[in-house]
């Protein structure tokens, strides 16, 4: 993907640097943002090579839920859903969310930035200039939760026992499938079986 005109209007192609270690600075003078060091290993062992139509995460036992990009601001999902996810995946309140964006390096930002795994810190970062990108890969620092977001959809996935509890809090598997279909207008429009299958397979086992 080329972001130069949309992200920062610089004629520089996205340099894929998930792989090398990156020392990330604090984007704000705020204790909720911390310096982190990230190696490619965490990302490469989490995400599939082809996010769509393949299952976006390498561990196919994970469960996931998708959201339609244009239904939300740059946080990419409902605050209540994120908070429920954080409640399951950050019980200790010590976890960090490592956020990489395909546009981050175009204007000198670190390729990966670390944010406290809670809604307030996440929202502040994602709605800031430092947090803007077209596509994101995010991973909790323990590797149990990951998010992939592009200009059309956002997929939140994680280990089955914890994500299963999140799914149950929002009505269970069938309710989440119906909700995804509604967001992508698949409940009222025939066709697009590939997308239907993709969304269904995120959460149905």
N, C-alpha and C. Protein backbone atom coordinates (compact mmCIF):
# COMPACT_ATOMS: atom_id res chain seq x y z
N UNK A 1 0.85 -1.18 0.00
CA UNK A 1 0.00 0.00 0.00
C UNK A 1 0.89 1.24 0.00
N UNK A 2 0.48 2.24 -0.77
CA UNK A 2 1.22 3.49 -0.84
C UNK A 2 0.43 4.57 -0.11
N UNK A 3 1.06 5.23 0.83
CA UNK A 3 0.36 6.19 1.67
C UNK A 3 0.83 7.61 1.48
N UNK A 4 1.77 7.82 0.57
CA UNK A 4 2.48 9.09 0.63
C UNK A 4 1.57 10.31 0.50
N UNK A 5 0.54 10.27 -0.32
CA UNK A 5 -0.30 11.44 -0.48
C UNK A 5 -1.35 11.52 0.62
N UNK A 6 -1.80 10.36 1.14
CA UNK A 6 -2.87 10.36 2.12
C UNK A 6 -2.36 10.58 3.53
N UNK A 7 -1.17 10.08 3.84
CA UNK A 7 -0.68 10.17 5.22
C UNK A 7 0.01 11.49 5.49
N UNK A 8 1.03 11.76 4.73
CA UNK A 8 1.81 12.94 5.07
C UNK A 8 2.30 13.68 3.84
N UNK A 9 1.80 13.27 2.67
CA UNK A 9 2.13 13.93 1.43
C UNK A 9 3.63 14.00 1.18
N UNK A 10 4.29 12.88 1.47
CA UNK A 10 5.71 12.79 1.17
C UNK A 10 5.92 11.68 0.15
N UNK A 11 6.81 11.90 -0.82
CA UNK A 11 7.01 10.91 -1.88
C UNK A 11 7.91 9.77 -1.43
N UNK A 12 7.57 9.16 -0.32
CA UNK A 12 8.36 8.07 0.22
C UNK A 12 7.50 6.85 0.36
N UNK A 13 7.95 5.71 -0.14
CA UNK A 13 7.18 4.50 -0.02
C UNK A 13 7.28 3.95 1.39
N UNK A 14 6.24 3.20 1.76
CA UNK A 14 6.22 2.52 3.06
C UNK A 14 7.36 1.52 3.12
N UNK A 15 8.22 1.70 4.10
CA UNK A 15 9.34 0.77 4.32
C UNK A 15 8.92 -0.20 5.40
N UNK A 16 8.78 -1.47 5.03
CA UNK A 16 8.28 -2.47 5.95
C UNK A 16 9.36 -2.82 6.96
N UNK A 17 9.17 -2.44 8.22
CA UNK A 17 10.21 -2.65 9.21
C UNK A 17 9.69 -3.39 10.42
N UNK A 18 8.64 -4.21 10.22
CA UNK A 18 8.15 -5.00 11.36
C UNK A 18 9.29 -5.87 11.90
N UNK A 19 10.26 -6.18 11.07
CA UNK A 19 11.21 -7.21 11.41
C UNK A 19 12.34 -6.78 12.29
N UNK A 20 12.80 -5.57 12.17
CA UNK A 20 13.98 -5.21 12.94
C UNK A 20 13.57 -4.61 14.27
N UNK A 21 14.48 -4.64 15.22
CA UNK A 21 14.18 -4.04 16.50
C UNK A 21 14.11 -2.53 16.36
N UNK A 22 13.10 -1.95 17.00
CA UNK A 22 12.88 -0.51 16.89
C UNK A 22 12.72 0.05 18.29
N UNK A 23 13.51 1.03 18.62
CA UNK A 23 13.35 1.73 19.90
C UNK A 23 12.36 2.85 19.70
N UNK A 24 11.23 2.79 20.39
CA UNK A 24 10.15 3.73 20.15
C UNK A 24 10.15 4.82 21.21
N UNK A 25 9.94 6.03 20.78
CA UNK A 25 9.91 7.15 21.71
C UNK A 25 8.51 7.33 22.27
N UNK A 26 8.39 8.16 23.28
CA UNK A 26 7.08 8.51 23.79
C UNK A 26 6.43 9.52 22.86
N UNK A 27 5.20 9.23 22.37
CA UNK A 27 4.55 10.21 21.51
C UNK A 27 4.03 11.42 22.27
N UNK A 28 3.80 11.28 23.57
CA UNK A 28 3.33 12.40 24.38
C UNK A 28 4.09 12.39 25.70
N UNK A 29 4.22 13.54 26.35
CA UNK A 29 4.81 13.57 27.69
C UNK A 29 3.79 13.10 28.72
N UNK A 30 3.39 11.85 28.65
CA UNK A 30 2.34 11.30 29.48
C UNK A 30 2.77 9.92 29.93
N UNK A 31 2.59 9.56 31.19
CA UNK A 31 3.08 8.27 31.67
C UNK A 31 2.38 7.08 31.06
N UNK A 32 1.25 7.27 30.36
CA UNK A 32 0.57 6.12 29.78
C UNK A 32 1.26 5.66 28.50
N UNK A 33 2.20 6.45 27.96
CA UNK A 33 2.97 6.04 26.80
C UNK A 33 4.40 5.74 27.23
N UNK A 34 4.88 4.57 26.93
CA UNK A 34 6.20 4.18 27.38
C UNK A 34 7.07 3.77 26.22
N UNK A 35 8.36 3.93 26.42
CA UNK A 35 9.31 3.46 25.42
C UNK A 35 9.30 1.94 25.39
N UNK A 36 9.32 1.39 24.21
CA UNK A 36 9.32 -0.06 24.07
C UNK A 36 10.34 -0.45 23.03
N UNK A 37 10.78 -1.67 23.10
CA UNK A 37 11.59 -2.24 22.05
C UNK A 37 10.85 -3.43 21.49
N UNK A 38 10.70 -3.45 20.20
CA UNK A 38 9.90 -4.47 19.55
C UNK A 38 10.73 -5.15 18.48
N UNK A 39 10.68 -6.47 18.44
CA UNK A 39 11.33 -7.20 17.37
C UNK A 39 10.26 -7.73 16.42
N UNK A 40 10.67 -8.10 15.25
CA UNK A 40 9.73 -8.61 14.26
C UNK A 40 9.08 -9.90 14.72
N UNK A 41 9.73 -10.60 15.62
CA UNK A 41 9.23 -11.91 16.02
C UNK A 41 7.80 -11.86 16.51
N UNK A 42 7.47 -10.87 17.33
CA UNK A 42 6.13 -10.80 17.89
C UNK A 42 5.09 -10.61 16.82
N UNK A 43 5.37 -9.78 15.82
CA UNK A 43 4.42 -9.57 14.74
C UNK A 43 4.39 -10.75 13.79
N UNK A 44 5.56 -11.28 13.45
CA UNK A 44 5.61 -12.35 12.46
C UNK A 44 5.00 -13.64 12.96
N UNK A 45 5.00 -13.85 14.28
CA UNK A 45 4.39 -15.07 14.80
C UNK A 45 2.90 -14.88 15.11
N UNK A 46 2.39 -13.70 14.84
CA UNK A 46 0.99 -13.39 15.15
C UNK A 46 0.12 -13.30 13.91
N UNK A 47 0.59 -12.59 12.87
CA UNK A 47 -0.27 -12.27 11.72
C UNK A 47 -0.01 -13.20 10.55
N UNK A 48 -1.08 -13.53 9.85
CA UNK A 48 -0.96 -14.32 8.63
C UNK A 48 -0.33 -13.47 7.53
N UNK A 49 0.26 -14.15 6.55
CA UNK A 49 0.84 -13.42 5.41
C UNK A 49 -0.24 -12.74 4.60
N UNK A 50 -1.41 -13.34 4.53
CA UNK A 50 -2.52 -12.77 3.77
C UNK A 50 -3.70 -12.58 4.72
N UNK A 51 -4.01 -11.34 5.03
CA UNK A 51 -5.03 -11.05 6.03
C UNK A 51 -6.44 -11.34 5.54
N UNK A 52 -6.65 -11.17 4.26
CA UNK A 52 -7.96 -11.41 3.65
C UNK A 52 -7.73 -11.98 2.27
N UNK A 53 -8.40 -13.06 1.92
CA UNK A 53 -9.52 -13.74 2.61
C UNK A 53 -9.09 -14.79 3.62
N UNK A 54 -7.80 -14.89 3.92
CA UNK A 54 -7.34 -15.86 4.91
C UNK A 54 -7.71 -15.39 6.31
N UNK A 55 -7.70 -16.30 7.28
CA UNK A 55 -7.83 -15.92 8.68
C UNK A 55 -6.63 -15.05 9.01
N UNK A 56 -6.82 -13.88 9.60
CA UNK A 56 -5.72 -12.92 9.71
C UNK A 56 -4.65 -13.26 10.73
N UNK A 57 -4.88 -14.28 11.56
CA UNK A 57 -3.93 -14.61 12.61
C UNK A 57 -3.41 -16.03 12.40
N UNK A 58 -2.14 -16.24 12.70
CA UNK A 58 -1.53 -17.54 12.46
C UNK A 58 -2.13 -18.63 13.35
N UNK A 59 -2.48 -18.28 14.56
CA UNK A 59 -3.10 -19.26 15.45
C UNK A 59 -4.59 -19.35 15.11
N UNK A 60 -4.96 -20.41 14.43
CA UNK A 60 -6.34 -20.53 13.94
C UNK A 60 -7.32 -20.95 15.03
N UNK A 61 -6.81 -21.18 16.22
CA UNK A 61 -7.72 -21.46 17.34
C UNK A 61 -8.25 -20.16 17.95
N UNK A 62 -7.66 -19.04 17.59
CA UNK A 62 -8.12 -17.75 18.11
C UNK A 62 -9.54 -17.47 17.63
N UNK A 63 -10.24 -16.64 18.37
CA UNK A 63 -11.53 -16.11 17.96
C UNK A 63 -11.37 -14.63 17.68
N UNK A 64 -12.21 -14.10 16.80
CA UNK A 64 -12.07 -12.70 16.41
C UNK A 64 -13.43 -12.11 16.06
N UNK A 65 -13.50 -10.78 16.09
CA UNK A 65 -14.68 -10.02 15.71
C UNK A 65 -14.24 -8.88 14.81
N UNK A 66 -15.04 -8.56 13.80
CA UNK A 66 -14.68 -7.51 12.84
C UNK A 66 -15.66 -6.34 12.93
N UNK A 67 -15.15 -5.15 12.59
CA UNK A 67 -15.96 -3.94 12.56
C UNK A 67 -15.74 -3.22 11.23
N UNK A 68 -16.80 -2.58 10.75
CA UNK A 68 -16.73 -1.82 9.51
C UNK A 68 -16.02 -0.50 9.78
N UNK A 69 -14.99 -0.23 8.99
CA UNK A 69 -14.12 0.92 9.24
C UNK A 69 -14.88 2.24 9.31
N UNK A 70 -15.77 2.48 8.39
CA UNK A 70 -16.41 3.78 8.27
C UNK A 70 -17.48 4.03 9.34
N UNK A 71 -17.74 3.03 10.17
CA UNK A 71 -18.73 3.21 11.23
C UNK A 71 -18.13 3.90 12.46
N UNK A 72 -16.81 4.08 12.47
CA UNK A 72 -16.14 4.61 13.67
C UNK A 72 -15.08 5.63 13.27
N UNK A 73 -14.61 6.39 14.27
CA UNK A 73 -13.50 7.29 14.02
C UNK A 73 -12.21 6.47 13.96
N UNK A 74 -11.07 7.10 14.12
CA UNK A 74 -9.82 6.35 13.93
C UNK A 74 -9.52 5.36 15.06
N UNK A 75 -10.34 5.31 16.08
CA UNK A 75 -10.20 4.23 17.06
C UNK A 75 -10.64 2.89 16.47
N UNK A 76 -11.44 2.94 15.42
CA UNK A 76 -11.77 1.76 14.60
C UNK A 76 -12.73 0.78 15.23
N UNK A 77 -13.26 1.07 16.42
CA UNK A 77 -14.17 0.11 17.05
C UNK A 77 -14.92 0.81 18.18
N UNK A 78 -15.99 0.20 18.70
CA UNK A 78 -16.73 0.81 19.82
C UNK A 78 -15.89 0.82 21.09
N UNK A 79 -16.00 1.87 21.86
CA UNK A 79 -15.24 1.96 23.11
C UNK A 79 -15.63 0.86 24.07
N UNK A 80 -16.90 0.50 24.11
CA UNK A 80 -17.34 -0.55 25.04
C UNK A 80 -16.69 -1.89 24.70
N UNK A 81 -16.59 -2.18 23.41
CA UNK A 81 -15.96 -3.45 23.01
C UNK A 81 -14.49 -3.45 23.41
N UNK A 82 -13.78 -2.38 23.12
CA UNK A 82 -12.36 -2.31 23.49
C UNK A 82 -12.20 -2.47 25.00
N UNK A 83 -13.05 -1.81 25.76
CA UNK A 83 -12.93 -1.87 27.22
C UNK A 83 -13.19 -3.28 27.73
N UNK A 84 -14.16 -3.99 27.13
CA UNK A 84 -14.40 -5.38 27.53
C UNK A 84 -13.20 -6.26 27.16
N UNK A 85 -12.60 -6.02 26.00
CA UNK A 85 -11.39 -6.76 25.61
C UNK A 85 -10.27 -6.49 26.60
N UNK A 86 -10.06 -5.23 26.94
CA UNK A 86 -9.01 -4.90 27.91
C UNK A 86 -9.29 -5.54 29.26
N UNK A 87 -10.56 -5.63 29.63
CA UNK A 87 -10.91 -6.25 30.89
C UNK A 87 -10.54 -7.72 30.95
N UNK A 88 -10.56 -8.40 29.81
CA UNK A 88 -10.18 -9.81 29.76
C UNK A 88 -8.68 -10.01 29.55
N UNK A 89 -8.09 -9.17 28.71
CA UNK A 89 -6.70 -9.39 28.30
C UNK A 89 -5.70 -8.56 29.10
N UNK A 90 -6.18 -7.66 29.93
CA UNK A 90 -5.27 -6.82 30.72
C UNK A 90 -5.75 -6.77 32.16
N UNK A 91 -5.99 -7.94 32.73
CA UNK A 91 -6.49 -8.02 34.10
C UNK A 91 -5.49 -7.39 35.07
N UNK A 92 -4.21 -7.59 34.81
CA UNK A 92 -3.17 -7.05 35.69
C UNK A 92 -2.99 -5.55 35.56
N UNK A 93 -3.55 -4.97 34.50
CA UNK A 93 -3.39 -3.54 34.18
C UNK A 93 -1.93 -3.16 33.95
N UNK A 94 -1.14 -4.13 33.56
CA UNK A 94 0.28 -3.86 33.29
C UNK A 94 0.65 -4.12 31.84
N UNK A 95 -0.30 -4.61 31.05
CA UNK A 95 -0.02 -4.93 29.66
C UNK A 95 0.07 -3.67 28.82
N UNK A 96 0.81 -3.76 27.71
CA UNK A 96 0.93 -2.68 26.76
C UNK A 96 0.42 -3.17 25.40
N UNK A 97 -0.11 -2.24 24.63
CA UNK A 97 -0.51 -2.52 23.26
C UNK A 97 0.54 -1.93 22.34
N UNK A 98 1.15 -2.77 21.52
CA UNK A 98 2.20 -2.33 20.60
C UNK A 98 1.55 -2.06 19.25
N UNK A 99 1.64 -0.83 18.79
CA UNK A 99 0.90 -0.39 17.61
C UNK A 99 1.87 -0.04 16.49
N UNK A 100 1.73 -0.70 15.36
CA UNK A 100 2.50 -0.39 14.17
C UNK A 100 1.59 0.09 13.06
N UNK A 101 2.01 1.11 12.34
CA UNK A 101 1.21 1.65 11.25
C UNK A 101 2.02 1.75 9.98
N UNK A 102 1.39 1.48 8.84
CA UNK A 102 2.14 1.49 7.58
C UNK A 102 2.57 2.89 7.17
N UNK A 103 2.02 3.92 7.81
CA UNK A 103 2.40 5.30 7.49
C UNK A 103 3.30 5.94 8.55
N UNK A 104 3.59 5.22 9.61
CA UNK A 104 4.30 5.84 10.72
C UNK A 104 5.66 6.40 10.31
N UNK A 105 6.42 5.64 9.54
CA UNK A 105 7.79 6.05 9.25
C UNK A 105 7.89 7.11 8.18
N UNK A 106 6.79 7.39 7.49
CA UNK A 106 6.86 8.34 6.38
C UNK A 106 7.23 9.75 6.85
N UNK A 107 6.87 10.07 8.09
CA UNK A 107 7.23 11.39 8.59
C UNK A 107 8.11 11.29 9.82
N UNK A 108 8.87 10.20 9.91
CA UNK A 108 9.86 10.07 10.96
C UNK A 108 9.37 9.49 12.26
N UNK A 109 8.12 9.02 12.31
CA UNK A 109 7.63 8.39 13.52
C UNK A 109 8.23 6.99 13.66
N UNK A 110 8.34 6.47 14.89
CA UNK A 110 8.78 5.09 15.06
C UNK A 110 7.82 4.12 14.38
N UNK A 111 8.34 3.02 13.88
CA UNK A 111 7.49 2.04 13.20
C UNK A 111 6.49 1.39 14.14
N UNK A 112 6.86 1.25 15.39
CA UNK A 112 5.98 0.65 16.40
C UNK A 112 6.02 1.52 17.65
N UNK A 113 4.83 1.77 18.20
CA UNK A 113 4.75 2.61 19.39
C UNK A 113 3.95 1.87 20.47
N UNK A 114 4.35 2.03 21.72
CA UNK A 114 3.71 1.33 22.82
C UNK A 114 2.75 2.23 23.58
N UNK A 115 1.55 1.70 23.86
CA UNK A 115 0.50 2.45 24.53
C UNK A 115 -0.06 1.59 25.64
N UNK A 116 -0.45 2.20 26.74
CA UNK A 116 -1.13 1.44 27.80
C UNK A 116 -2.38 0.78 27.23
N UNK A 117 -2.63 -0.45 27.68
CA UNK A 117 -3.74 -1.23 27.15
C UNK A 117 -5.02 -0.85 27.90
N UNK A 118 -5.50 0.37 27.67
CA UNK A 118 -6.80 0.79 28.17
C UNK A 118 -7.39 1.80 27.18
N UNK A 119 -8.68 2.02 27.27
CA UNK A 119 -9.36 2.82 26.26
C UNK A 119 -8.87 4.26 26.22
N UNK A 120 -8.66 4.88 27.37
CA UNK A 120 -8.28 6.28 27.39
C UNK A 120 -6.96 6.50 26.67
N UNK A 121 -5.96 5.68 26.98
CA UNK A 121 -4.66 5.82 26.33
C UNK A 121 -4.74 5.48 24.85
N UNK A 122 -5.49 4.42 24.53
CA UNK A 122 -5.65 4.01 23.12
C UNK A 122 -6.34 5.10 22.31
N UNK A 123 -7.44 5.62 22.83
CA UNK A 123 -8.17 6.67 22.11
C UNK A 123 -7.30 7.91 21.92
N UNK A 124 -6.60 8.32 22.96
CA UNK A 124 -5.76 9.51 22.86
C UNK A 124 -4.71 9.33 21.76
N UNK A 125 -4.09 8.16 21.73
CA UNK A 125 -3.06 7.91 20.73
C UNK A 125 -3.65 7.85 19.32
N UNK A 126 -4.70 7.08 19.14
CA UNK A 126 -5.25 6.86 17.80
C UNK A 126 -5.84 8.13 17.19
N UNK A 127 -6.29 9.06 18.02
CA UNK A 127 -6.87 10.30 17.50
C UNK A 127 -5.85 11.43 17.41
N UNK A 128 -4.59 11.12 17.74
CA UNK A 128 -3.54 12.12 17.66
C UNK A 128 -2.83 12.05 16.31
N UNK A 129 -2.10 13.10 15.92
CA UNK A 129 -1.30 13.03 14.69
C UNK A 129 -0.29 11.89 14.71
N UNK A 130 0.27 11.59 15.88
CA UNK A 130 1.24 10.51 15.98
C UNK A 130 0.60 9.15 15.71
N UNK A 131 -0.71 9.06 15.90
CA UNK A 131 -1.36 7.77 15.77
C UNK A 131 -2.01 7.51 14.43
N UNK A 132 -1.97 8.49 13.51
CA UNK A 132 -2.68 8.31 12.25
C UNK A 132 -1.93 7.40 11.29
N UNK A 133 -2.67 6.48 10.69
CA UNK A 133 -2.15 5.64 9.62
C UNK A 133 -3.34 5.10 8.84
N UNK A 134 -3.06 4.45 7.72
CA UNK A 134 -4.12 3.82 6.93
C UNK A 134 -4.36 2.38 7.36
N UNK A 135 -3.29 1.70 7.66
CA UNK A 135 -3.38 0.30 8.07
C UNK A 135 -2.57 0.11 9.34
N UNK A 136 -3.08 -0.77 10.22
CA UNK A 136 -2.42 -1.00 11.49
C UNK A 136 -2.25 -2.49 11.76
N UNK A 137 -1.18 -2.81 12.48
CA UNK A 137 -1.05 -4.09 13.15
C UNK A 137 -0.75 -3.77 14.61
N UNK A 138 -1.52 -4.39 15.51
CA UNK A 138 -1.34 -4.16 16.93
C UNK A 138 -1.29 -5.50 17.64
N UNK A 139 -0.44 -5.58 18.66
CA UNK A 139 -0.31 -6.80 19.44
C UNK A 139 -0.12 -6.44 20.91
N UNK A 140 -0.79 -7.15 21.80
CA UNK A 140 -0.50 -6.97 23.22
C UNK A 140 0.90 -7.51 23.48
N UNK A 141 1.59 -6.95 24.46
CA UNK A 141 2.99 -7.32 24.64
C UNK A 141 3.20 -8.75 25.13
N UNK A 142 2.10 -9.44 25.50
CA UNK A 142 2.22 -10.86 25.82
C UNK A 142 1.80 -11.75 24.65
N UNK A 143 1.40 -11.14 23.53
CA UNK A 143 1.06 -11.88 22.33
C UNK A 143 -0.27 -12.59 22.35
N UNK A 144 -1.14 -12.27 23.30
CA UNK A 144 -2.42 -12.97 23.39
C UNK A 144 -3.55 -12.27 22.66
N UNK A 145 -3.35 -11.05 22.23
CA UNK A 145 -4.39 -10.24 21.59
C UNK A 145 -3.78 -9.49 20.43
N UNK A 146 -4.47 -9.43 19.31
CA UNK A 146 -3.95 -8.69 18.16
C UNK A 146 -5.09 -8.02 17.41
N UNK A 147 -4.75 -6.95 16.73
CA UNK A 147 -5.72 -6.18 15.94
C UNK A 147 -5.11 -5.89 14.58
N UNK A 148 -5.88 -6.14 13.55
CA UNK A 148 -5.49 -5.74 12.20
C UNK A 148 -6.56 -4.80 11.67
N UNK A 149 -6.14 -3.67 11.15
CA UNK A 149 -7.10 -2.69 10.63
C UNK A 149 -6.59 -2.13 9.32
N UNK A 150 -7.47 -2.07 8.33
CA UNK A 150 -7.13 -1.44 7.05
C UNK A 150 -8.21 -0.42 6.74
N UNK A 151 -8.22 0.21 5.56
CA UNK A 151 -9.22 1.25 5.30
C UNK A 151 -10.66 0.74 5.20
N UNK A 152 -10.88 -0.58 5.26
CA UNK A 152 -12.23 -1.10 5.11
C UNK A 152 -12.76 -1.82 6.35
N UNK A 153 -11.88 -2.48 7.10
CA UNK A 153 -12.37 -3.21 8.26
C UNK A 153 -11.31 -3.29 9.34
N UNK A 154 -11.77 -3.65 10.53
CA UNK A 154 -10.90 -3.86 11.68
C UNK A 154 -11.22 -5.23 12.25
N UNK A 155 -10.20 -6.03 12.51
CA UNK A 155 -10.40 -7.36 13.09
C UNK A 155 -9.65 -7.43 14.41
N UNK A 156 -10.38 -7.77 15.46
CA UNK A 156 -9.81 -7.92 16.80
C UNK A 156 -9.86 -9.39 17.16
N UNK A 157 -8.69 -9.98 17.43
CA UNK A 157 -8.66 -11.40 17.73
C UNK A 157 -7.77 -11.71 18.90
N UNK A 158 -8.01 -12.87 19.51
CA UNK A 158 -7.19 -13.26 20.64
C UNK A 158 -7.41 -14.70 21.03
N UNK A 159 -6.68 -15.14 22.05
CA UNK A 159 -6.78 -16.52 22.50
C UNK A 159 -8.23 -16.84 22.82
N UNK A 160 -8.62 -18.09 22.51
CA UNK A 160 -10.04 -18.44 22.47
C UNK A 160 -10.74 -18.30 23.82
N UNK A 161 -10.08 -18.67 24.91
CA UNK A 161 -10.79 -18.61 26.19
C UNK A 161 -11.15 -17.18 26.58
N UNK A 162 -10.24 -16.25 26.37
CA UNK A 162 -10.52 -14.85 26.74
C UNK A 162 -11.44 -14.17 25.73
N UNK A 163 -11.17 -14.36 24.44
CA UNK A 163 -12.03 -13.73 23.44
C UNK A 163 -13.42 -14.35 23.46
N UNK A 164 -13.49 -15.63 23.79
CA UNK A 164 -14.80 -16.27 23.92
C UNK A 164 -15.64 -15.62 24.99
N UNK A 165 -15.01 -15.21 26.09
CA UNK A 165 -15.77 -14.52 27.14
C UNK A 165 -16.24 -13.15 26.67
N UNK A 166 -15.41 -12.47 25.88
CA UNK A 166 -15.84 -11.18 25.31
C UNK A 166 -17.04 -11.38 24.39
N UNK A 167 -16.95 -12.39 23.52
CA UNK A 167 -18.06 -12.69 22.60
C UNK A 167 -19.34 -12.98 23.39
N UNK A 168 -19.21 -13.73 24.47
CA UNK A 168 -20.39 -14.05 25.29
C UNK A 168 -21.00 -12.80 25.91
N UNK A 169 -20.16 -11.84 26.28
CA UNK A 169 -20.67 -10.61 26.87
C UNK A 169 -21.49 -9.79 25.87
N UNK A 170 -21.28 -10.04 24.59
CA UNK A 170 -22.04 -9.33 23.56
C UNK A 170 -23.04 -10.25 22.87
N UNK A 171 -23.56 -11.20 23.62
CA UNK A 171 -24.68 -11.99 23.14
C UNK A 171 -24.36 -13.34 22.56
N UNK A 172 -23.07 -13.71 22.50
CA UNK A 172 -22.71 -15.02 21.98
C UNK A 172 -22.35 -15.00 20.50
N UNK A 173 -22.02 -16.17 19.99
CA UNK A 173 -21.51 -16.28 18.62
C UNK A 173 -22.53 -15.82 17.59
N UNK A 174 -23.76 -16.33 17.67
CA UNK A 174 -24.77 -15.98 16.66
C UNK A 174 -25.06 -14.49 16.64
N UNK A 175 -25.12 -13.89 17.82
CA UNK A 175 -25.38 -12.45 17.91
C UNK A 175 -24.23 -11.65 17.29
N UNK A 176 -23.00 -12.08 17.52
CA UNK A 176 -21.85 -11.37 16.94
C UNK A 176 -21.80 -11.53 15.43
N UNK A 177 -22.14 -12.69 14.92
CA UNK A 177 -22.18 -12.88 13.46
C UNK A 177 -23.23 -11.98 12.86
N UNK A 178 -24.43 -11.93 13.46
CA UNK A 178 -25.48 -11.04 12.94
C UNK A 178 -25.03 -9.59 12.98
N UNK A 179 -24.37 -9.21 14.07
CA UNK A 179 -23.89 -7.83 14.19
C UNK A 179 -22.89 -7.47 13.10
N UNK A 180 -21.97 -8.40 12.80
CA UNK A 180 -21.01 -8.13 11.73
C UNK A 180 -21.71 -8.04 10.38
N UNK A 181 -22.65 -8.92 10.13
CA UNK A 181 -23.40 -8.86 8.87
C UNK A 181 -24.12 -7.53 8.73
N UNK A 182 -24.71 -7.05 9.83
CA UNK A 182 -25.43 -5.78 9.78
C UNK A 182 -24.48 -4.62 9.48
N UNK A 183 -23.32 -4.61 10.12
CA UNK A 183 -22.38 -3.51 9.89
C UNK A 183 -21.92 -3.45 8.45
N UNK A 184 -21.76 -4.61 7.82
CA UNK A 184 -21.30 -4.66 6.44
C UNK A 184 -22.46 -4.79 5.45
N UNK A 185 -23.69 -4.52 5.94
CA UNK A 185 -24.91 -4.52 5.11
C UNK A 185 -25.13 -5.85 4.41
N UNK A 186 -24.70 -6.92 5.04
CA UNK A 186 -24.90 -8.24 4.47
C UNK A 186 -26.23 -8.85 4.91
N UNK A 187 -26.90 -8.21 5.85
CA UNK A 187 -28.18 -8.71 6.32
C UNK A 187 -29.31 -8.36 5.37
N UNK A 188 -29.11 -7.32 4.56
CA UNK A 188 -30.17 -6.87 3.65
C UNK A 188 -29.79 -7.00 2.18
N UNK A 189 -28.54 -7.36 1.90
CA UNK A 189 -28.08 -7.46 0.52
C UNK A 189 -27.57 -8.88 0.25
N UNK A 190 -28.06 -9.45 -0.81
CA UNK A 190 -27.61 -10.78 -1.20
C UNK A 190 -26.22 -10.68 -1.82
N UNK A 191 -25.55 -11.80 -1.90
CA UNK A 191 -24.25 -11.83 -2.54
C UNK A 191 -23.12 -11.63 -1.55
N UNK A 192 -21.92 -11.41 -2.10
CA UNK A 192 -20.70 -11.23 -1.32
C UNK A 192 -20.50 -12.39 -0.33
N UNK A 193 -20.60 -13.59 -0.86
CA UNK A 193 -20.45 -14.77 -0.02
C UNK A 193 -19.04 -14.88 0.55
N UNK A 194 -18.05 -14.37 -0.16
CA UNK A 194 -16.68 -14.43 0.36
C UNK A 194 -16.56 -13.65 1.67
N UNK A 195 -17.14 -12.45 1.71
CA UNK A 195 -17.09 -11.65 2.93
C UNK A 195 -17.91 -12.30 4.03
N UNK A 196 -19.08 -12.85 3.69
CA UNK A 196 -19.89 -13.55 4.69
C UNK A 196 -19.09 -14.67 5.34
N UNK A 197 -18.45 -15.46 4.50
CA UNK A 197 -17.67 -16.58 5.02
C UNK A 197 -16.51 -16.09 5.88
N UNK A 198 -15.84 -15.05 5.43
CA UNK A 198 -14.71 -14.50 6.18
C UNK A 198 -15.16 -14.07 7.57
N UNK A 199 -16.25 -13.32 7.66
CA UNK A 199 -16.71 -12.82 8.94
C UNK A 199 -17.19 -13.97 9.82
N UNK A 200 -17.92 -14.89 9.25
CA UNK A 200 -18.42 -16.03 10.02
C UNK A 200 -17.27 -16.86 10.59
N UNK A 201 -16.26 -17.10 9.76
CA UNK A 201 -15.14 -17.95 10.20
C UNK A 201 -14.26 -17.30 11.26
N UNK A 202 -14.42 -15.98 11.46
CA UNK A 202 -13.64 -15.33 12.51
C UNK A 202 -14.04 -15.85 13.89
N UNK A 203 -15.31 -16.17 14.06
CA UNK A 203 -15.84 -16.45 15.40
C UNK A 203 -16.48 -17.82 15.52
N UNK A 204 -16.85 -18.47 14.42
CA UNK A 204 -17.51 -19.77 14.47
C UNK A 204 -16.45 -20.87 14.42
N UNK A 205 -16.50 -21.77 15.38
CA UNK A 205 -15.59 -22.92 15.41
C UNK A 205 -16.38 -24.22 15.46
